[in-house]
Amino acid sequence: MEGGFSMIDYNIVLYIGLFLIVGSFIGFILNEMNKRKKDKELSKQQLIPMTEEEEYRNAGITKEEIENENNS
């Protein structure tokens, strides 16, 4: 052929497109599985109740300070 024009092999185009579609679907499924795993771990962490000492420590005050405020 003249002018350097070559024919497009449509089988290659088909396989590349099919690979992109299947690869995207597999990536999506893996992403959803990972999100579900992280969500389950987070929900387990939130279900563990804190002890009274942990609540005071997180609040940055002591039990005695609360009792002194209530007695005042």
PDB file of N, CA and C in Angstrom:
ATOM      1  N   MET A   1       0.844  -1.181   0.000  1.00  0.00           N
ATOM      2  CA  MET A   1       0.000   0.000   0.000  1.00  0.00           C
ATOM      3  C   MET A   1       0.884   1.237   0.000  1.00  0.00           C
ATOM      4  N   GLU A   2       0.384   2.243  -0.616  1.00  0.00           N
ATOM      5  CA  GLU A   2       1.157   3.460  -0.732  1.00  0.00           C
ATOM      6  C   GLU A   2       0.772   4.442   0.368  1.00  0.00           C
ATOM      7  N   GLY A   3       1.680   5.294   0.747  1.00  0.00           N
ATOM      8  CA  GLY A   3       1.416   6.315   1.727  1.00  0.00           C
ATOM      9  C   GLY A   3       1.676   5.837   3.148  1.00  0.00           C
ATOM     10  N   GLY A   4       2.158   4.640   3.365  1.00  0.00           N
ATOM     11  CA  GLY A   4       2.487   4.147   4.692  1.00  0.00           C
ATOM     12  C   GLY A   4       1.284   3.791   5.539  1.00  0.00           C
ATOM     13  N   PHE A   5       0.100   3.684   4.966  1.00  0.00           N
ATOM     14  CA  PHE A   5      -1.103   3.340   5.723  1.00  0.00           C
ATOM     15  C   PHE A   5      -1.170   1.833   5.899  1.00  0.00           C
ATOM     16  N   SER A   6      -1.357   1.405   7.146  1.00  0.00           N
ATOM     17  CA  SER A   6      -1.456  -0.029   7.388  1.00  0.00           C
ATOM     18  C   SER A   6      -2.840  -0.348   7.938  1.00  0.00           C
ATOM     19  N   MET A   7      -3.244  -1.558   7.753  1.00  0.00           N
ATOM     20  CA  MET A   7      -4.560  -1.995   8.205  1.00  0.00           C
ATOM     21  C   MET A   7      -4.548  -2.177   9.727  1.00  0.00           C
ATOM     22  N   ILE A   8      -5.677  -1.881  10.360  1.00  0.00           N
ATOM     23  CA  ILE A   8      -5.836  -2.070  11.797  1.00  0.00           C
ATOM     24  C   ILE A   8      -6.294  -3.501  12.035  1.00  0.00           C
ATOM     25  N   ASP A   9      -5.609  -4.170  12.944  1.00  0.00           N
ATOM     26  CA  ASP A   9      -6.024  -5.528  13.296  1.00  0.00           C
ATOM     27  C   ASP A   9      -7.090  -5.404  14.377  1.00  0.00           C
ATOM     28  N   TYR A  10      -8.341  -5.591  14.001  1.00  0.00           N
ATOM     29  CA  TYR A  10      -9.453  -5.389  14.923  1.00  0.00           C
ATOM     30  C   TYR A  10      -9.516  -6.458  16.009  1.00  0.00           C
ATOM     31  N   ASN A  11      -8.881  -7.580  15.781  1.00  0.00           N
ATOM     32  CA  ASN A  11      -8.828  -8.590  16.837  1.00  0.00           C
ATOM     33  C   ASN A  11      -8.029  -8.063  18.027  1.00  0.00           C
ATOM     34  N   ILE A  12      -6.937  -7.356  17.769  1.00  0.00           N
ATOM     35  CA  ILE A  12      -6.132  -6.775  18.852  1.00  0.00           C
ATOM     36  C   ILE A  12      -6.944  -5.720  19.591  1.00  0.00           C
ATOM     37  N   VAL A  13      -7.658  -4.888  18.872  1.00  0.00           N
ATOM     38  CA  VAL A  13      -8.510  -3.871  19.494  1.00  0.00           C
ATOM     39  C   VAL A  13      -9.570  -4.534  20.369  1.00  0.00           C
ATOM     40  N   LEU A  14     -10.161  -5.606  19.866  1.00  0.00           N
ATOM     41  CA  LEU A  14     -11.173  -6.334  20.609  1.00  0.00           C
ATOM     42  C   LEU A  14     -10.583  -6.903  21.902  1.00  0.00           C
ATOM     43  N   TYR A  15      -9.424  -7.528  21.809  1.00  0.00           N
ATOM     44  CA  TYR A  15      -8.813  -8.135  22.993  1.00  0.00           C
ATOM     45  C   TYR A  15      -8.384  -7.095  24.022  1.00  0.00           C
ATOM     46  N   ILE A  16      -7.875  -5.971  23.562  1.00  0.00           N
ATOM     47  CA  ILE A  16      -7.492  -4.901  24.490  1.00  0.00           C
ATOM     48  C   ILE A  16      -8.732  -4.367  25.216  1.00  0.00           C
ATOM     49  N   GLY A  17      -9.800  -4.123  24.495  1.00  0.00           N
ATOM     50  CA  GLY A  17     -11.032  -3.640  25.110  1.00  0.00           C
ATOM     51  C   GLY A  17     -11.614  -4.648  26.079  1.00  0.00           C
ATOM     52  N   LEU A  18     -11.610  -5.906  25.692  1.00  0.00           N
ATOM     53  CA  LEU A  18     -12.115  -6.950  26.571  1.00  0.00           C
ATOM     54  C   LEU A  18     -11.269  -7.060  27.830  1.00  0.00           C
ATOM     55  N   PHE A  19      -9.957  -6.957  27.680  1.00  0.00           N
ATOM     56  CA  PHE A  19      -9.059  -6.998  28.839  1.00  0.00           C
ATOM     57  C   PHE A  19      -9.332  -5.827  29.781  1.00  0.00           C
ATOM     58  N   LEU A  20      -9.557  -4.640  29.245  1.00  0.00           N
ATOM     59  CA  LEU A  20      -9.834  -3.475  30.080  1.00  0.00           C
ATOM     60  C   LEU A  20     -11.161  -3.624  30.823  1.00  0.00           C
ATOM     61  N   ILE A  21     -12.169  -4.148  30.156  1.00  0.00           N
ATOM     62  CA  ILE A  21     -13.470  -4.322  30.807  1.00  0.00           C
ATOM     63  C   ILE A  21     -13.384  -5.361  31.912  1.00  0.00           C
ATOM     64  N   VAL A  22     -12.796  -6.520  31.617  1.00  0.00           N
ATOM     65  CA  VAL A  22     -12.681  -7.593  32.615  1.00  0.00           C
ATOM     66  C   VAL A  22     -11.766  -7.150  33.755  1.00  0.00           C
ATOM     67  N   GLY A  23     -10.656  -6.487  33.437  1.00  0.00           N
ATOM     68  CA  GLY A  23      -9.738  -6.006  34.468  1.00  0.00           C
ATOM     69  C   GLY A  23     -10.389  -4.986  35.380  1.00  0.00           C
ATOM     70  N   SER A  24     -11.196  -4.097  34.815  1.00  0.00           N
ATOM     71  CA  SER A  24     -11.904  -3.105  35.629  1.00  0.00           C
ATOM     72  C   SER A  24     -12.910  -3.779  36.546  1.00  0.00           C
ATOM     73  N   PHE A  25     -13.608  -4.776  36.041  1.00  0.00           N
ATOM     74  CA  PHE A  25     -14.590  -5.489  36.858  1.00  0.00           C
ATOM     75  C   PHE A  25     -13.912  -6.219  38.008  1.00  0.00           C
ATOM     76  N   ILE A  26     -12.805  -6.883  37.736  1.00  0.00           N
ATOM     77  CA  ILE A  26     -12.074  -7.592  38.793  1.00  0.00           C
ATOM     78  C   ILE A  26     -11.538  -6.594  39.813  1.00  0.00           C
ATOM     79  N   GLY A  27     -11.023  -5.457  39.362  1.00  0.00           N
ATOM     80  CA  GLY A  27     -10.559  -4.416  40.279  1.00  0.00           C
ATOM     81  C   GLY A  27     -11.682  -3.888  41.153  1.00  0.00           C
ATOM     82  N   PHE A  28     -12.857  -3.709  40.574  1.00  0.00           N
ATOM     83  CA  PHE A  28     -14.011  -3.243  41.334  1.00  0.00           C
ATOM     84  C   PHE A  28     -14.395  -4.257  42.414  1.00  0.00           C
ATOM     85  N   ILE A  29     -14.450  -5.544  42.057  1.00  0.00           N
ATOM     86  CA  ILE A  29     -14.809  -6.585  43.019  1.00  0.00           C
ATOM     87  C   ILE A  29     -13.797  -6.632  44.159  1.00  0.00           C
ATOM     88  N   LEU A  30     -12.511  -6.570  43.836  1.00  0.00           N
ATOM     89  CA  LEU A  30     -11.478  -6.585  44.879  1.00  0.00           C
ATOM     90  C   LEU A  30     -11.591  -5.368  45.787  1.00  0.00           C
ATOM     91  N   ASN A  31     -11.892  -4.215  45.215  1.00  0.00           N
ATOM     92  CA  ASN A  31     -12.060  -2.996  46.005  1.00  0.00           C
ATOM     93  C   ASN A  31     -13.242  -3.119  46.957  1.00  0.00           C
ATOM     94  N   GLU A  32     -14.351  -3.655  46.494  1.00  0.00           N
ATOM     95  CA  GLU A  32     -15.523  -3.829  47.347  1.00  0.00           C
ATOM     96  C   GLU A  32     -15.248  -4.826  48.472  1.00  0.00           C
ATOM     97  N   MET A  33     -14.502  -5.889  48.176  1.00  0.00           N
ATOM     98  CA  MET A  33     -14.159  -6.866  49.212  1.00  0.00           C
ATOM     99  C   MET A  33     -13.293  -6.218  50.285  1.00  0.00           C
ATOM    100  N   ASN A  34     -12.353  -5.380  49.853  1.00  0.00           N
ATOM    101  CA  ASN A  34     -11.468  -4.699  50.804  1.00  0.00           C
ATOM    102  C   ASN A  34     -12.246  -3.703  51.655  1.00  0.00           C
ATOM    103  N   LYS A  35     -13.176  -2.966  51.043  1.00  0.00           N
ATOM    104  CA  LYS A  35     -13.995  -2.020  51.808  1.00  0.00           C
ATOM    105  C   LYS A  35     -14.845  -2.744  52.843  1.00  0.00           C
ATOM    106  N   ARG A  36     -15.408  -3.891  52.466  1.00  0.00           N
ATOM    107  CA  ARG A  36     -16.234  -4.659  53.403  1.00  0.00           C
ATOM    108  C   ARG A  36     -15.398  -5.162  54.576  1.00  0.00           C
ATOM    109  N   LYS A  37     -14.189  -5.610  54.285  1.00  0.00           N
ATOM    110  CA  LYS A  37     -13.303  -6.104  55.345  1.00  0.00           C
ATOM    111  C   LYS A  37     -12.974  -4.981  56.332  1.00  0.00           C
ATOM    112  N   LYS A  38     -12.636  -3.804  55.805  1.00  0.00           N
ATOM    113  CA  LYS A  38     -12.318  -2.665  56.674  1.00  0.00           C
ATOM    114  C   LYS A  38     -13.536  -2.210  57.466  1.00  0.00           C
ATOM    115  N   ASP A  39     -14.713  -2.244  56.847  1.00  0.00           N
ATOM    116  CA  ASP A  39     -15.936  -1.848  57.536  1.00  0.00           C
ATOM    117  C   ASP A  39     -16.258  -2.808  58.680  1.00  0.00           C
ATOM    118  N   LYS A  40     -16.041  -4.097  58.457  1.00  0.00           N
ATOM    119  CA  LYS A  40     -16.283  -5.078  59.525  1.00  0.00           C
ATOM    120  C   LYS A  40     -15.312  -4.860  60.678  1.00  0.00           C
ATOM    121  N   GLU A  41     -14.039  -4.572  60.367  1.00  0.00           N
ATOM    122  CA  GLU A  41     -13.050  -4.316  61.419  1.00  0.00           C
ATOM    123  C   GLU A  41     -13.419  -3.067  62.216  1.00  0.00           C
ATOM    124  N   LEU A  42     -13.880  -2.030  61.524  1.00  0.00           N
ATOM    125  CA  LEU A  42     -14.254  -0.789  62.195  1.00  0.00           C
ATOM    126  C   LEU A  42     -15.464  -1.008  63.101  1.00  0.00           C
ATOM    127  N   SER A  43     -16.427  -1.776  62.633  1.00  0.00           N
ATOM    128  CA  SER A  43     -17.615  -2.010  63.456  1.00  0.00           C
ATOM    129  C   SER A  43     -17.267  -2.837  64.691  1.00  0.00           C
ATOM    130  N   LYS A  44     -16.321  -3.752  64.575  1.00  0.00           N
ATOM    131  CA  LYS A  44     -15.898  -4.523  65.748  1.00  0.00           C
ATOM    132  C   LYS A  44     -15.222  -3.613  66.769  1.00  0.00           C
ATOM    133  N   GLN A  45     -14.437  -2.652  66.302  1.00  0.00           N
ATOM    134  CA  GLN A  45     -13.754  -1.728  67.209  1.00  0.00           C
ATOM    135  C   GLN A  45     -14.762  -0.842  67.938  1.00  0.00           C
ATOM    136  N   GLN A  46     -15.810  -0.442  67.263  1.00  0.00           N
ATOM    137  CA  GLN A  46     -16.784   0.458  67.862  1.00  0.00           C
ATOM    138  C   GLN A  46     -17.686  -0.257  68.857  1.00  0.00           C
ATOM    139  N   LEU A  47     -17.785  -1.579  68.773  1.00  0.00           N
ATOM    140  CA  LEU A  47     -18.667  -2.322  69.673  1.00  0.00           C
ATOM    141  C   LEU A  47     -18.021  -2.620  71.014  1.00  0.00           C
ATOM    142  N   ILE A  48     -16.706  -2.441  71.127  1.00  0.00           N
ATOM    143  CA  ILE A  48     -16.022  -2.736  72.381  1.00  0.00           C
ATOM    144  C   ILE A  48     -16.263  -1.570  73.343  1.00  0.00           C
ATOM    145  N   PRO A  49     -16.937  -1.809  74.463  1.00  0.00           N
ATOM    146  CA  PRO A  49     -17.193  -0.708  75.401  1.00  0.00           C
ATOM    147  C   PRO A  49     -15.922  -0.310  76.151  1.00  0.00           C
ATOM    148  N   MET A  50     -15.835   0.967  76.495  1.00  0.00           N
ATOM    149  CA  MET A  50     -14.691   1.458  77.242  1.00  0.00           C
ATOM    150  C   MET A  50     -14.940   1.298  78.732  1.00  0.00           C
ATOM    151  N   THR A  51     -13.865   1.118  79.458  1.00  0.00           N
ATOM    152  CA  THR A  51     -13.985   1.096  80.913  1.00  0.00           C
ATOM    153  C   THR A  51     -14.127   2.529  81.410  1.00  0.00           C
ATOM    154  N   GLU A  52     -14.497   2.677  82.659  1.00  0.00           N
ATOM    155  CA  GLU A  52     -14.677   4.007  83.230  1.00  0.00           C
ATOM    156  C   GLU A  52     -13.364   4.779  83.217  1.00  0.00           C
ATOM    157  N   GLU A  53     -12.264   4.089  83.492  1.00  0.00           N
ATOM    158  CA  GLU A  53     -10.951   4.752  83.481  1.00  0.00           C
ATOM    159  C   GLU A  53     -10.594   5.245  82.083  1.00  0.00           C
ATOM    160  N   GLU A  54     -10.908   4.451  81.064  1.00  0.00           N
ATOM    161  CA  GLU A  54     -10.616   4.870  79.693  1.00  0.00           C
ATOM    162  C   GLU A  54     -11.447   6.089  79.300  1.00  0.00           C
ATOM    163  N   GLU A  55     -12.690   6.147  79.755  1.00  0.00           N
ATOM    164  CA  GLU A  55     -13.526   7.306  79.451  1.00  0.00           C
ATOM    165  C   GLU A  55     -12.946   8.576  80.069  1.00  0.00           C
ATOM    166  N   TYR A  56     -12.506   8.497  81.334  1.00  0.00           N
ATOM    167  CA  TYR A  56     -11.899   9.668  81.973  1.00  0.00           C
ATOM    168  C   TYR A  56     -10.594  10.058  81.285  1.00  0.00           C
ATOM    169  N   ARG A  57      -9.799   9.055  80.905  1.00  0.00           N
ATOM    170  CA  ARG A  57      -8.523   9.348  80.247  1.00  0.00           C
ATOM    171  C   ARG A  57      -8.764  10.022  78.896  1.00  0.00           C
ATOM    172  N   ASN A  58      -9.771   9.558  78.141  1.00  0.00           N
ATOM    173  CA  ASN A  58     -10.084  10.175  76.855  1.00  0.00           C
ATOM    174  C   ASN A  58     -10.610  11.595  77.022  1.00  0.00           C
ATOM    175  N   ALA A  59     -11.325  11.849  78.117  1.00  0.00           N
ATOM    176  CA  ALA A  59     -11.857  13.188  78.363  1.00  0.00           C
ATOM    177  C   ALA A  59     -10.787  14.138  78.879  1.00  0.00           C
ATOM    178  N   GLY A  60      -9.664  13.606  79.356  1.00  0.00           N
ATOM    179  CA  GLY A  60      -8.580  14.452  79.848  1.00  0.00           C
ATOM    180  C   GLY A  60      -8.802  14.964  81.251  1.00  0.00           C
ATOM    181  N   ILE A  61      -9.667  14.309  82.009  1.00  0.00           N
ATOM    182  CA  ILE A  61      -9.906  14.719  83.389  1.00  0.00           C
ATOM    183  C   ILE A  61      -9.835  13.478  84.275  1.00  0.00           C
ATOM    184  N   THR A  62      -9.818  13.700  85.551  1.00  0.00           N
ATOM    185  CA  THR A  62      -9.793  12.579  86.487  1.00  0.00           C
ATOM    186  C   THR A  62     -11.150  12.446  87.167  1.00  0.00           C
ATOM    187  N   LYS A  63     -11.345  11.315  87.772  1.00  0.00           N
ATOM    188  CA  LYS A  63     -12.598  11.057  88.474  1.00  0.00           C
ATOM    189  C   LYS A  63     -12.749  12.002  89.656  1.00  0.00           C
ATOM    190  N   GLU A  64     -11.636  12.333  90.287  1.00  0.00           N
ATOM    191  CA  GLU A  64     -11.683  13.235  91.447  1.00  0.00           C
ATOM    192  C   GLU A  64     -12.140  14.631  91.025  1.00  0.00           C
ATOM    193  N   GLU A  65     -11.711  15.095  89.872  1.00  0.00           N
ATOM    194  CA  GLU A  65     -12.137  16.420  89.392  1.00  0.00           C
ATOM    195  C   GLU A  65     -13.649  16.473  89.199  1.00  0.00           C
ATOM    196  N   ILE A  66     -14.222  15.409  88.665  1.00  0.00           N
ATOM    197  CA  ILE A  66     -15.676  15.351  88.455  1.00  0.00           C
ATOM    198  C   ILE A  66     -16.387  15.371  89.810  1.00  0.00           C
ATOM    199  N   GLU A  67     -15.874  14.569  90.738  1.00  0.00           N
ATOM    200  CA  GLU A  67     -16.507  14.518  92.052  1.00  0.00           C
ATOM    201  C   GLU A  67     -16.395  15.850  92.774  1.00  0.00           C
ATOM    202  N   ASN A  68     -15.261  16.555  92.627  1.00  0.00           N
ATOM    203  CA  ASN A  68     -15.104  17.872  93.253  1.00  0.00           C
ATOM    204  C   ASN A  68     -16.068  18.889  92.656  1.00  0.00           C
ATOM    205  N   GLU A  69     -16.309  18.815  91.327  1.00  0.00           N
ATOM    206  CA  GLU A  69     -17.260  19.737  90.690  1.00  0.00           C
ATOM    207  C   GLU A  69     -18.678  19.453  91.172  1.00  0.00           C
ATOM    208  N   ASN A  70     -19.009  18.203  91.351  1.00  0.00           N
ATOM    209  CA  ASN A  70     -20.358  17.851  91.804  1.00  0.00           C
ATOM    210  C   ASN A  70     -20.572  18.259  93.274  1.00  0.00           C
ATOM    211  N   ASN A  71     -19.523  18.218  94.088  1.00  0.00           N
ATOM    212  CA  ASN A  71     -19.640  18.581  95.498  1.00  0.00           C
ATOM    213  C   ASN A  71     -19.651  20.090  95.723  1.00  0.00           C
ATOM    214  N   SER A  72     -19.169  20.852  94.758  1.00  0.00           N
ATOM    215  CA  SER A  72     -19.085  22.311  94.924  1.00  0.00           C
ATOM    216  C   SER A  72     -20.410  22.985  94.783  1.00  0.00           C
TER     217      SER A  72
END
